[in-house]
Amino acid sequence: MSMKKGNCKLHRLGEPHGPKVLLIHGAGFYWQTCFARIIRDLKDRYCLLIPELEGHTAHPREYMVSVEETAGKLGEALEELRVDKVQAVYGVSLGASVAVEMAIRDKIKVMNLLLDGGQYEAMGEMTEQYANIMADAFLKLLAGEHLPSPVKENMGFAANNDVEVLQPLIYEQITREALLHALLAAYRYDLKGKNARVEARVSVMIGGNEIYGAQFTPLLEEISKQPLDIYEFPNRGHAEVLSKEPEKIARLIREILNYC
């Protein structure tokens, strides 16, 4: 079931009365393809709530402005559905940043965060330059072209498997404008100035090949009232587990919820 609530398009799938699991995709990704296996594995037991980030649709009428604004819209959409608590939120890349911001705002009670990647420190004067580079790079990935070498290595794809991993996750009809707005939102998000703490249990997925993957762990430790749970996946790049082994994420979500 898909619905437009306020300024947020939400898809609700699975068991309506089951524990609620929110899945938030990354910049340039498409919810239906990147979450297909997770949906299949969890839908019989859980109520799955999946938003579309602004601009990630055919003929978009609006684009992302900031992580904060998107988290606010998503919270309002959930309130309209009379959802005041979600048992787990899985966010990948930009979706992880949105998940953290939702937990900080605490408008919707988040019990568990599962963060896969994410940008938690603003890039400053490099923001616009890097966002433009990455917007072009994502469009080239769709055409089968590799990421620029420094970016590829930073994201953990030194083995030259970036196209193989990322191309299936990217929305085929994504526009450059939608990508640019989403990436600008990602690279402007900054936890440092928020002086916030979250009650949710925070679990962090780290691809062993990602150079930047572990560098934000101290920031997440600062905002978490509980010790972080770290899940490292050796020899994996950015979003590679989601692309190649999504069943492991579904299993991890089940384990986290069964633990609580």
Protein backbone atom coordinates (compact mmCIF):
# COMPACT_ATOMS: atom_id res chain seq x y z
CA MET A 1 0.00 0.00 0.00
CA SER A 2 1.37 3.41 -0.99
CA MET A 3 0.13 6.73 0.31
CA LYS A 4 1.02 10.39 0.21
CA LYS A 5 1.00 11.84 3.71
CA GLY A 6 1.65 15.55 3.76
CA ASN A 7 4.82 16.08 1.73
CA CYS A 8 6.08 12.51 2.16
CA LYS A 9 5.28 9.43 0.09
CA LEU A 10 5.21 6.31 2.25
CA HIS A 11 4.87 2.67 1.33
CA ARG A 12 3.33 0.38 3.95
CA LEU A 13 3.86 -3.33 3.44
CA GLY A 14 3.65 -6.54 5.41
CA GLU A 15 1.77 -7.36 8.61
CA PRO A 16 -0.22 -4.23 9.59
CA HIS A 17 -0.28 -5.14 13.28
CA GLY A 18 3.30 -6.36 13.52
CA PRO A 19 6.27 -4.50 15.00
CA LYS A 20 7.03 -1.46 12.87
CA VAL A 21 10.26 -1.33 10.87
CA LEU A 22 11.23 1.79 8.93
CA LEU A 23 13.56 1.37 5.93
CA ILE A 24 15.20 4.53 4.54
CA HIS A 25 17.12 4.39 1.26
CA GLY A 26 20.19 6.39 0.27
CA ALA A 27 20.82 9.21 -2.20
CA GLY A 28 20.07 8.07 -5.73
CA PHE A 29 18.77 4.68 -4.58
CA TYR A 30 15.31 3.30 -5.36
CA TRP A 31 13.33 1.86 -2.46
CA GLN A 32 11.71 -1.02 -4.36
CA THR A 33 14.90 -2.48 -5.81
CA CYS A 34 17.30 -1.91 -2.94
CA PHE A 35 14.88 -3.30 -0.32
CA ALA A 36 13.25 -6.10 -2.35
CA ARG A 37 14.90 -9.00 -0.48
CA ILE A 38 14.51 -7.37 2.94
CA ILE A 39 10.81 -6.81 2.23
CA ARG A 40 10.41 -10.44 1.20
CA ASP A 41 12.16 -11.70 4.33
CA LEU A 42 10.35 -9.48 6.84
CA LYS A 43 6.87 -8.80 5.45
CA ASP A 44 5.17 -11.83 7.03
CA ARG A 45 5.99 -10.70 10.55
CA TYR A 46 6.63 -6.96 10.49
CA CYS A 47 4.87 -3.80 9.37
CA LEU A 48 7.32 -2.22 6.94
CA LEU A 49 7.22 1.54 6.42
CA ILE A 50 9.33 2.78 3.50
CA PRO A 51 9.50 6.46 2.50
CA GLU A 52 10.66 7.81 -0.84
CA LEU A 53 13.20 10.58 -0.38
CA GLU A 54 12.19 13.77 -2.21
CA GLY A 55 13.10 13.71 -5.90
CA HIS A 56 13.49 9.93 -6.05
CA THR A 57 10.49 9.37 -8.29
CA ALA A 58 9.49 9.87 -11.91
CA HIS A 59 8.75 13.54 -12.72
CA PRO A 60 9.69 14.90 -9.26
CA ARG A 61 7.99 18.08 -8.09
CA GLU A 62 10.25 18.67 -5.10
CA TYR A 63 13.78 17.91 -4.00
CA MET A 64 15.58 17.43 -0.72
CA VAL A 65 16.52 20.60 1.12
CA SER A 66 18.17 19.16 4.22
CA VAL A 67 18.32 16.03 6.34
CA GLU A 68 16.48 17.92 9.07
CA GLU A 69 13.58 18.90 6.80
CA THR A 70 13.22 15.38 5.40
CA ALA A 71 13.23 13.87 8.91
CA GLY A 72 10.57 16.37 9.93
CA LYS A 73 8.34 15.53 6.97
CA LEU A 74 8.73 11.82 7.65
CA GLY A 75 7.81 12.27 11.29
CA GLU A 76 4.67 14.20 10.32
CA ALA A 77 3.71 11.51 7.80
CA LEU A 78 4.04 8.80 10.44
CA GLU A 79 1.97 10.82 12.89
CA GLU A 80 -0.79 11.09 10.27
CA LEU A 81 -0.76 7.28 10.16
CA ARG A 82 -1.05 7.31 13.97
CA VAL A 83 2.38 5.78 14.30
CA ASP A 84 4.08 7.16 17.40
CA LYS A 85 6.74 4.48 17.81
CA VAL A 86 8.86 2.33 15.50
CA GLN A 87 10.69 -0.69 16.81
CA ALA A 88 13.58 -0.38 14.34
CA VAL A 89 14.90 1.98 11.68
CA TYR A 90 17.39 0.77 9.07
CA GLY A 91 19.00 3.58 7.09
CA VAL A 92 21.63 3.25 4.40
CA SER A 93 23.96 6.10 3.41
CA LEU A 94 21.88 9.32 3.36
CA GLY A 95 19.03 7.27 4.84
CA ALA A 96 21.20 6.58 7.89
CA SER A 97 21.61 10.32 8.46
CA VAL A 98 17.83 10.80 8.21
CA ALA A 99 17.36 7.94 10.69
CA VAL A 100 19.71 9.56 13.21
CA GLU A 101 17.95 12.91 12.85
CA MET A 102 14.58 11.25 13.48
CA ALA A 103 15.91 9.69 16.67
CA ILE A 104 17.33 13.05 17.80
CA ARG A 105 14.00 14.81 17.24
CA ASP A 106 12.17 12.08 19.18
CA LYS A 107 8.82 13.09 17.69
CA ILE A 108 8.44 9.44 16.76
CA LYS A 109 9.90 7.12 19.38
CA VAL A 110 12.72 5.09 17.81
CA MET A 111 13.69 1.99 19.76
CA ASN A 112 16.54 0.73 17.58
CA LEU A 113 18.75 2.34 14.93
CA LEU A 114 20.65 0.23 12.40
CA LEU A 115 22.98 2.57 10.51
CA ASP A 116 24.66 1.44 7.29
CA GLY A 117 27.06 4.16 6.22
CA GLY A 118 25.90 7.75 6.60
CA GLN A 119 27.48 11.19 6.66
CA TYR A 120 27.47 12.82 10.08
CA GLU A 121 29.93 15.68 9.66
CA ALA A 122 29.53 18.57 7.20
CA MET A 123 32.13 18.85 4.45
CA GLY A 124 32.37 22.62 4.70
CA GLU A 125 33.77 24.43 1.68
CA MET A 126 34.10 21.14 -0.22
CA THR A 127 30.35 20.45 -0.07
CA GLU A 128 29.21 21.82 -3.44
CA GLN A 129 32.25 20.60 -5.34
CA TYR A 130 31.98 17.06 -3.99
CA ALA A 131 28.19 16.94 -4.44
CA ASN A 132 28.58 17.88 -8.11
CA ILE A 133 31.32 15.29 -8.61
CA MET A 134 29.20 12.57 -7.02
CA ALA A 135 26.02 13.53 -8.91
CA ASP A 136 27.88 13.09 -12.19
CA ALA A 137 29.51 9.89 -10.93
CA PHE A 138 26.15 8.31 -10.03
CA LEU A 139 24.75 9.00 -13.49
CA LYS A 140 27.87 7.46 -15.02
CA LEU A 141 27.43 4.38 -12.82
CA LEU A 142 24.03 3.86 -14.44
CA ALA A 143 25.82 3.88 -17.81
CA GLY A 144 28.34 1.32 -16.56
CA GLU A 145 31.23 3.72 -15.94
CA HIS A 146 33.39 3.39 -12.83
CA LEU A 147 33.67 5.98 -10.08
CA PRO A 148 36.73 8.28 -10.12
CA SER A 149 39.64 6.39 -8.55
CA PRO A 150 39.95 8.35 -5.26
CA VAL A 151 36.19 8.12 -4.66
CA LYS A 152 36.15 4.44 -5.56
CA GLU A 153 38.91 3.64 -3.07
CA ASN A 154 37.38 5.78 -0.33
CA MET A 155 34.07 3.94 -0.69
CA GLY A 156 35.79 0.56 -0.53
CA PHE A 157 35.75 -0.49 -4.17
CA ALA A 158 39.48 -0.82 -4.87
CA ALA A 159 38.66 -4.19 -6.46
CA ASN A 160 36.84 -2.28 -9.23
CA ASN A 161 33.44 -3.69 -8.28
CA ASP A 162 31.70 -0.33 -7.80
CA VAL A 163 29.45 -0.65 -10.87
CA GLU A 164 28.48 -4.20 -9.97
CA VAL A 165 27.56 -3.22 -6.40
CA LEU A 166 25.98 0.22 -6.79
CA GLN A 167 24.29 0.16 -10.19
CA PRO A 168 21.45 -2.20 -9.09
CA LEU A 169 20.61 0.12 -6.18
CA ILE A 170 20.34 3.35 -8.19
CA TYR A 171 16.99 4.61 -9.46
CA GLU A 172 17.11 4.34 -13.26
CA GLN A 173 15.09 7.54 -13.75
CA ILE A 174 16.93 9.67 -11.21
CA THR A 175 17.67 13.17 -12.45
CA ARG A 176 20.88 15.07 -11.88
CA GLU A 177 18.97 17.77 -10.03
CA ALA A 178 17.47 15.24 -7.62
CA LEU A 179 20.89 13.69 -7.04
CA LEU A 180 22.55 17.04 -6.47
CA HIS A 181 19.96 18.18 -3.92
CA ALA A 182 20.14 14.86 -2.04
CA LEU A 183 23.94 14.89 -1.98
CA LEU A 184 24.07 18.51 -0.83
CA ALA A 185 21.73 17.58 2.03
CA ALA A 186 23.97 14.64 2.92
CA TYR A 187 27.22 16.60 2.91
CA ARG A 188 25.77 19.53 4.88
CA TYR A 189 24.46 17.38 7.72
CA ASP A 190 26.48 17.81 10.90
CA LEU A 191 26.05 16.17 14.29
CA LYS A 192 28.79 18.19 15.95
CA GLY A 193 26.72 21.27 16.65
CA LYS A 194 23.58 19.49 17.82
CA ASN A 195 24.56 18.66 21.40
CA ALA A 196 21.98 15.86 21.24
CA ARG A 197 21.61 12.44 22.83
CA VAL A 198 19.41 9.58 21.64
CA GLU A 199 17.71 6.95 23.76
CA ALA A 200 17.59 4.38 20.95
CA ARG A 201 19.91 1.42 20.89
CA VAL A 202 22.38 2.23 18.09
CA SER A 203 23.89 -0.46 15.87
CA VAL A 204 26.42 0.45 13.19
CA MET A 205 27.29 -1.55 10.08
CA ILE A 206 30.77 -0.97 8.69
CA GLY A 207 32.13 -2.33 5.43
CA GLY A 208 35.67 -3.46 6.09
CA ASN A 209 36.95 -1.84 2.89
CA GLU A 210 35.36 1.57 3.49
CA ILE A 211 37.97 4.15 4.43
CA TYR A 212 35.48 6.63 5.88
CA GLY A 213 33.09 4.01 7.26
CA ALA A 214 34.55 3.84 10.76
CA GLN A 215 35.62 7.48 11.12
CA PHE A 216 32.17 8.65 12.24
CA THR A 217 31.92 6.09 15.05
CA PRO A 218 33.15 8.57 17.71
CA LEU A 219 30.44 11.06 16.70
CA LEU A 220 27.78 8.37 17.01
CA GLU A 221 29.19 7.33 20.38
CA GLU A 222 28.81 10.92 21.58
CA ILE A 223 25.10 11.08 20.79
CA SER A 224 24.20 7.57 21.97
CA LYS A 225 23.24 7.06 25.60
CA GLN A 226 24.00 3.35 25.21
CA PRO A 227 27.21 1.69 23.98
CA LEU A 228 27.26 1.21 20.21
CA ASP A 229 26.88 -2.24 18.71
CA ILE A 230 29.35 -2.53 15.83
CA TYR A 231 28.85 -5.04 13.01
CA GLU A 232 31.83 -5.16 10.68
CA PHE A 233 31.62 -6.92 7.33
CA PRO A 234 35.14 -7.72 6.08
CA ASN A 235 36.05 -7.08 2.45
CA ARG A 236 32.87 -5.10 1.76
CA GLY A 237 32.47 -1.60 0.36
CA HIS A 238 29.77 1.03 0.78
CA ALA A 239 26.25 -0.52 0.66
CA GLU A 240 27.77 -3.76 -0.62
CA VAL A 241 25.97 -5.90 1.96
CA LEU A 242 22.65 -4.32 0.94
CA SER A 243 23.38 -4.97 -2.73
CA LYS A 244 24.88 -8.45 -2.54
CA GLU A 245 23.75 -9.97 0.75
CA PRO A 246 20.55 -8.20 1.83
CA GLU A 247 19.40 -11.30 3.67
CA LYS A 248 22.11 -10.54 6.25
CA ILE A 249 20.49 -7.18 6.95
CA ALA A 250 17.06 -8.76 7.31
CA ARG A 251 18.57 -11.30 9.71
CA LEU A 252 20.26 -8.53 11.68
CA ILE A 253 17.00 -6.61 12.00
CA ARG A 254 15.28 -9.74 13.32
CA GLU A 255 18.11 -10.38 15.79
CA ILE A 256 18.02 -6.80 17.06
CA LEU A 257 14.26 -6.95 17.60
CA ASN A 258 14.37 -10.38 19.21
CA TYR A 259 17.05 -9.12 21.59
CA CYS A 260 14.88 -6.27 22.86
